[in-house]
Each structure stands twice: as C-alpha cells, then as structure tokens.
Amino acid sequence: DHIFSFLNDLQDIREFYNIPPDLIINLDESAVHFDAIPAYSYEFKGVKHPPLKVSNGYKKRMTVLLAITGAGEKLTSHLIFKGKGAKVRKLNNHKGLLIYKNKAAWMTRLIFKDYLMYCVKSWLRRKRQDLESPNQKGIIILDNTSSHVFQGPELLEIENALNVKLVYL
C-alpha cells in the first residue's frame, strides 16, 4: 500500500511539473569492500560455531554513491574513502569525480549536500541546456537515511538551487 501511494505521489508531481525522464534522478550509496568475506569455512562435522579465520581486509571498504536518471543516463559516481583529512575534489580526474575521506568512509549530511550542490547541480544545468528547457523542474528520489533528509530552510535552499523536488521513499 505504501509503495502504490509513493508511486502515485511521484506520478502526480511528474505530471504537475511535466517533468521528462531525463530530469528524474534516483540515487543512493552502497559499501564496496576491497577484500571479499570468505564464502565458505571448513570445520569438523558437528561443530556448532566454527571459528571463521579471516584477515582484517574484509573491514576495508569505501562508499560509492551512484545516480541514474529515468532515461537511463548515469551521473558521475562519488567515492568516500576511510582516512583523515578534508575532502579532495577532482583527484586525477577530468570529469569532476568527487572523492572524500572521513573516519568511517560513510556518507554524511555535509558530504551529501556538497555532492548535490556541486555534481548534481552542474549535471542538471547541462541537461537542461541539452533539452533547451533552462527552467524545467526535476525530481530527485532519495531514501530517508539521515544524511539525505533535509527540512525547513535547508530543504528549500537545495530545492531552489537545483530547481528540483526532493522526493523521499
């Protein structure tokens, strides 16, 4: 029932603003592990809790943010590595790939907002020029993880700056 309600609301917004699939963006992030956790463990038959011997490598990971439009076009990926220090922009990449470091290699609210205001905003500007619709509203579909949720003046700031409607699952 919640799924149908969400889809109906999304369709209503799309129809109200006449939003083309090119300007509907769905994005989320996921952990990518450098070393895979072993799929099998071998122990004598009957042992209830066999010890799993693995290296610390399975804890090494990064977060990758992926975004795609309703028309199937992929936006530039966004990477977060574990480490100390400030964000790093355009690290050996001419396409504007955003690379960050933080203590846990997780998405934060500040990093996510910067991604929206830097990467998504410039992508939307180029796409609107291609469509010859500089004022066309768009939609960004997000889950409601704490790093994605904006409210009040901050929500209005982002929606106005990007000329989009943020829609939460």
Protein backbone atom coordinates (compact mmCIF):
# COMPACT_ATOMS: atom_id res chain seq x y z
CA ASP A 1 0.00 0.00 0.00
CA HIS A 2 2.88 2.41 0.81
CA ILE A 3 4.57 1.59 -2.47
CA PHE A 4 1.48 2.42 -4.53
CA SER A 5 0.96 5.62 -2.56
CA PHE A 6 4.58 6.68 -3.20
CA LEU A 7 4.32 5.87 -6.92
CA ASN A 8 1.05 7.81 -7.21
CA ASP A 9 2.56 10.82 -5.45
CA LEU A 10 5.62 10.66 -7.70
CA GLN A 11 3.43 10.45 -10.81
CA ASP A 12 1.34 13.42 -9.61
CA ILE A 13 4.49 15.55 -9.16
CA ARG A 14 5.82 14.48 -12.54
CA GLU A 15 2.56 15.34 -14.30
CA PHE A 16 2.07 18.63 -12.44
CA TYR A 17 5.52 19.93 -13.48
CA ASN A 18 5.61 18.00 -16.80
CA ILE A 19 8.99 16.50 -15.86
CA PRO A 20 10.74 14.42 -18.54
CA PRO A 21 12.52 11.16 -17.59
CA ASP A 22 15.88 12.89 -18.24
CA LEU A 23 15.32 15.08 -15.17
CA ILE A 24 14.24 12.35 -12.76
CA ILE A 25 17.25 11.23 -10.74
CA ASN A 26 17.37 8.27 -8.37
CA LEU A 27 20.45 7.99 -6.20
CA ASP A 28 21.80 6.04 -3.28
CA GLU A 29 25.08 4.83 -1.89
CA SER A 30 26.49 1.44 -1.01
CA ALA A 31 29.57 0.00 0.66
CA VAL A 32 32.18 -1.60 -1.59
CA HIS A 33 34.60 -3.94 0.17
CA PHE A 34 38.19 -4.19 -1.04
CA ASP A 35 38.51 -7.80 0.12
CA ALA A 36 35.62 -10.21 -0.06
CA ILE A 37 34.48 -12.01 3.06
CA PRO A 38 35.10 -15.75 2.60
CA ALA A 39 32.08 -17.64 1.30
CA TYR A 40 32.99 -20.93 2.99
CA SER A 41 34.54 -22.15 6.22
CA TYR A 42 35.74 -25.70 6.80
CA GLU A 43 35.44 -27.43 10.17
CA PHE A 44 34.82 -30.90 11.51
CA LYS A 45 31.25 -32.19 11.25
CA GLY A 46 29.16 -31.39 14.32
CA VAL A 47 30.97 -28.20 15.41
CA LYS A 48 28.15 -25.72 16.12
CA HIS A 49 30.09 -22.46 15.90
CA PRO A 50 33.24 -22.91 13.83
CA PRO A 51 35.74 -20.05 14.11
CA LEU A 52 36.00 -18.04 10.94
CA LYS A 53 39.58 -17.06 10.28
CA VAL A 54 39.85 -14.05 8.02
CA SER A 55 42.22 -11.17 7.57
CA ASN A 56 41.30 -7.64 8.58
CA GLY A 57 40.95 -6.89 4.88
CA TYR A 58 37.22 -7.50 4.91
CA LYS A 59 36.84 -4.36 7.02
CA LYS A 60 38.49 -2.24 4.32
CA ARG A 61 35.80 -0.55 2.32
CA MET A 62 34.70 2.61 0.61
CA THR A 63 31.28 4.08 -0.04
CA VAL A 64 30.17 4.74 -3.58
CA LEU A 65 27.22 6.95 -4.49
CA LEU A 66 25.54 6.02 -7.74
CA ALA A 67 22.87 8.01 -9.55
CA ILE A 68 20.80 7.31 -12.65
CA THR A 69 18.05 9.17 -14.47
CA GLY A 70 14.63 7.92 -15.53
CA ALA A 71 16.04 7.87 -19.07
CA GLY A 72 18.86 5.51 -18.04
CA GLU A 73 21.75 8.01 -18.02
CA LYS A 74 24.33 7.58 -15.26
CA LEU A 75 25.68 10.56 -13.36
CA THR A 76 29.31 10.75 -12.22
CA SER A 77 29.97 8.48 -9.24
CA HIS A 78 31.02 9.79 -5.87
CA LEU A 79 33.53 7.98 -3.65
CA ILE A 80 34.20 8.16 0.09
CA PHE A 81 37.32 6.52 1.48
CA LYS A 82 38.38 5.96 5.06
CA GLY A 83 41.03 8.39 6.18
CA LYS A 84 41.84 11.62 7.93
CA GLY A 85 41.70 14.98 6.31
CA ALA A 86 39.38 17.15 4.33
CA LYS A 87 37.58 16.35 1.13
CA VAL A 88 39.54 16.04 -2.07
CA ARG A 89 37.99 17.30 -5.30
CA LYS A 90 38.85 16.30 -8.85
CA LEU A 91 41.61 13.94 -7.80
CA ASN A 92 43.33 12.98 -11.07
CA ASN A 93 40.00 13.08 -12.84
CA HIS A 94 38.99 15.50 -15.56
CA LYS A 95 35.29 14.60 -15.29
CA GLY A 96 34.76 16.19 -11.87
CA LEU A 97 34.59 12.99 -9.83
CA LEU A 98 34.16 13.84 -6.16
CA ILE A 99 36.35 11.93 -3.74
CA TYR A 100 36.15 12.37 0.01
CA LYS A 101 37.81 10.91 3.07
CA ASN A 102 36.36 10.57 6.54
CA LYS A 103 36.82 8.49 9.66
CA ALA A 104 34.29 5.79 8.75
CA ALA A 105 34.11 6.03 4.93
CA TRP A 106 30.39 6.76 5.29
CA MET A 107 28.12 9.30 3.70
CA THR A 108 27.49 12.33 5.89
CA ARG A 109 24.94 15.09 5.54
CA LEU A 110 27.62 17.67 4.65
CA ILE A 111 29.21 15.44 2.01
CA PHE A 112 25.81 14.63 0.52
CA LYS A 113 24.79 18.27 0.34
CA ASP A 114 28.08 19.14 -1.33
CA TYR A 115 27.51 16.34 -3.87
CA LEU A 116 24.07 17.75 -4.68
CA MET A 117 25.26 21.35 -4.95
CA TYR A 118 28.39 20.54 -6.95
CA CYS A 119 27.89 17.45 -9.06
CA VAL A 120 24.12 17.18 -9.46
CA LYS A 121 23.62 20.93 -9.93
CA SER A 122 26.16 21.16 -12.77
CA TRP A 123 24.77 17.98 -14.38
CA LEU A 124 21.21 19.38 -14.25
CA ARG A 125 22.38 22.66 -15.80
CA ARG A 126 23.97 20.81 -18.75
CA LYS A 127 20.97 18.51 -19.17
CA ARG A 128 18.53 21.44 -19.20
CA GLN A 129 20.65 23.13 -21.87
CA ASP A 130 20.54 19.93 -23.95
CA LEU A 131 16.76 19.80 -23.56
CA GLU A 132 16.51 23.55 -24.30
CA SER A 133 14.47 23.92 -21.10
CA PRO A 134 16.55 26.04 -18.72
CA ASN A 135 13.76 26.37 -16.14
CA GLN A 136 12.41 22.81 -16.27
CA LYS A 137 11.87 21.38 -12.77
CA GLY A 138 13.36 17.99 -11.91
CA ILE A 139 12.86 15.28 -9.30
CA ILE A 140 15.47 13.62 -7.09
CA ILE A 141 14.34 10.37 -5.48
CA LEU A 142 16.05 9.53 -2.17
CA ASP A 143 15.72 7.12 0.69
CA ASN A 144 15.23 8.64 4.13
CA THR A 145 18.61 7.88 5.66
CA SER A 146 19.68 10.71 7.95
CA SER A 147 22.36 12.00 5.57
CA HIS A 148 19.72 12.52 2.84
CA VAL A 149 16.92 14.17 4.81
CA PHE A 150 16.70 17.95 4.65
CA GLN A 151 13.94 20.01 6.25
CA GLY A 152 12.77 23.59 6.53
CA PRO A 153 15.01 26.32 5.12
CA GLU A 154 17.76 23.88 4.14
CA LEU A 155 15.30 21.82 2.08
CA LEU A 156 14.02 24.96 0.34
CA GLU A 157 17.60 26.13 -0.30
CA ILE A 158 18.50 22.85 -2.04
CA GLU A 159 15.25 22.55 -4.00
CA ASN A 160 15.52 26.16 -5.18
CA ALA A 161 19.24 25.97 -6.03
CA LEU A 162 18.73 22.80 -8.10
CA ASN A 163 15.17 23.59 -9.28
CA VAL A 164 14.06 20.13 -8.18
CA LYS A 165 11.60 18.48 -5.88
CA LEU A 166 13.23 16.10 -3.39
CA VAL A 167 11.00 13.03 -3.02
CA TYR A 168 11.68 10.57 -0.21
CA LEU A 169 10.84 6.88 -0.37
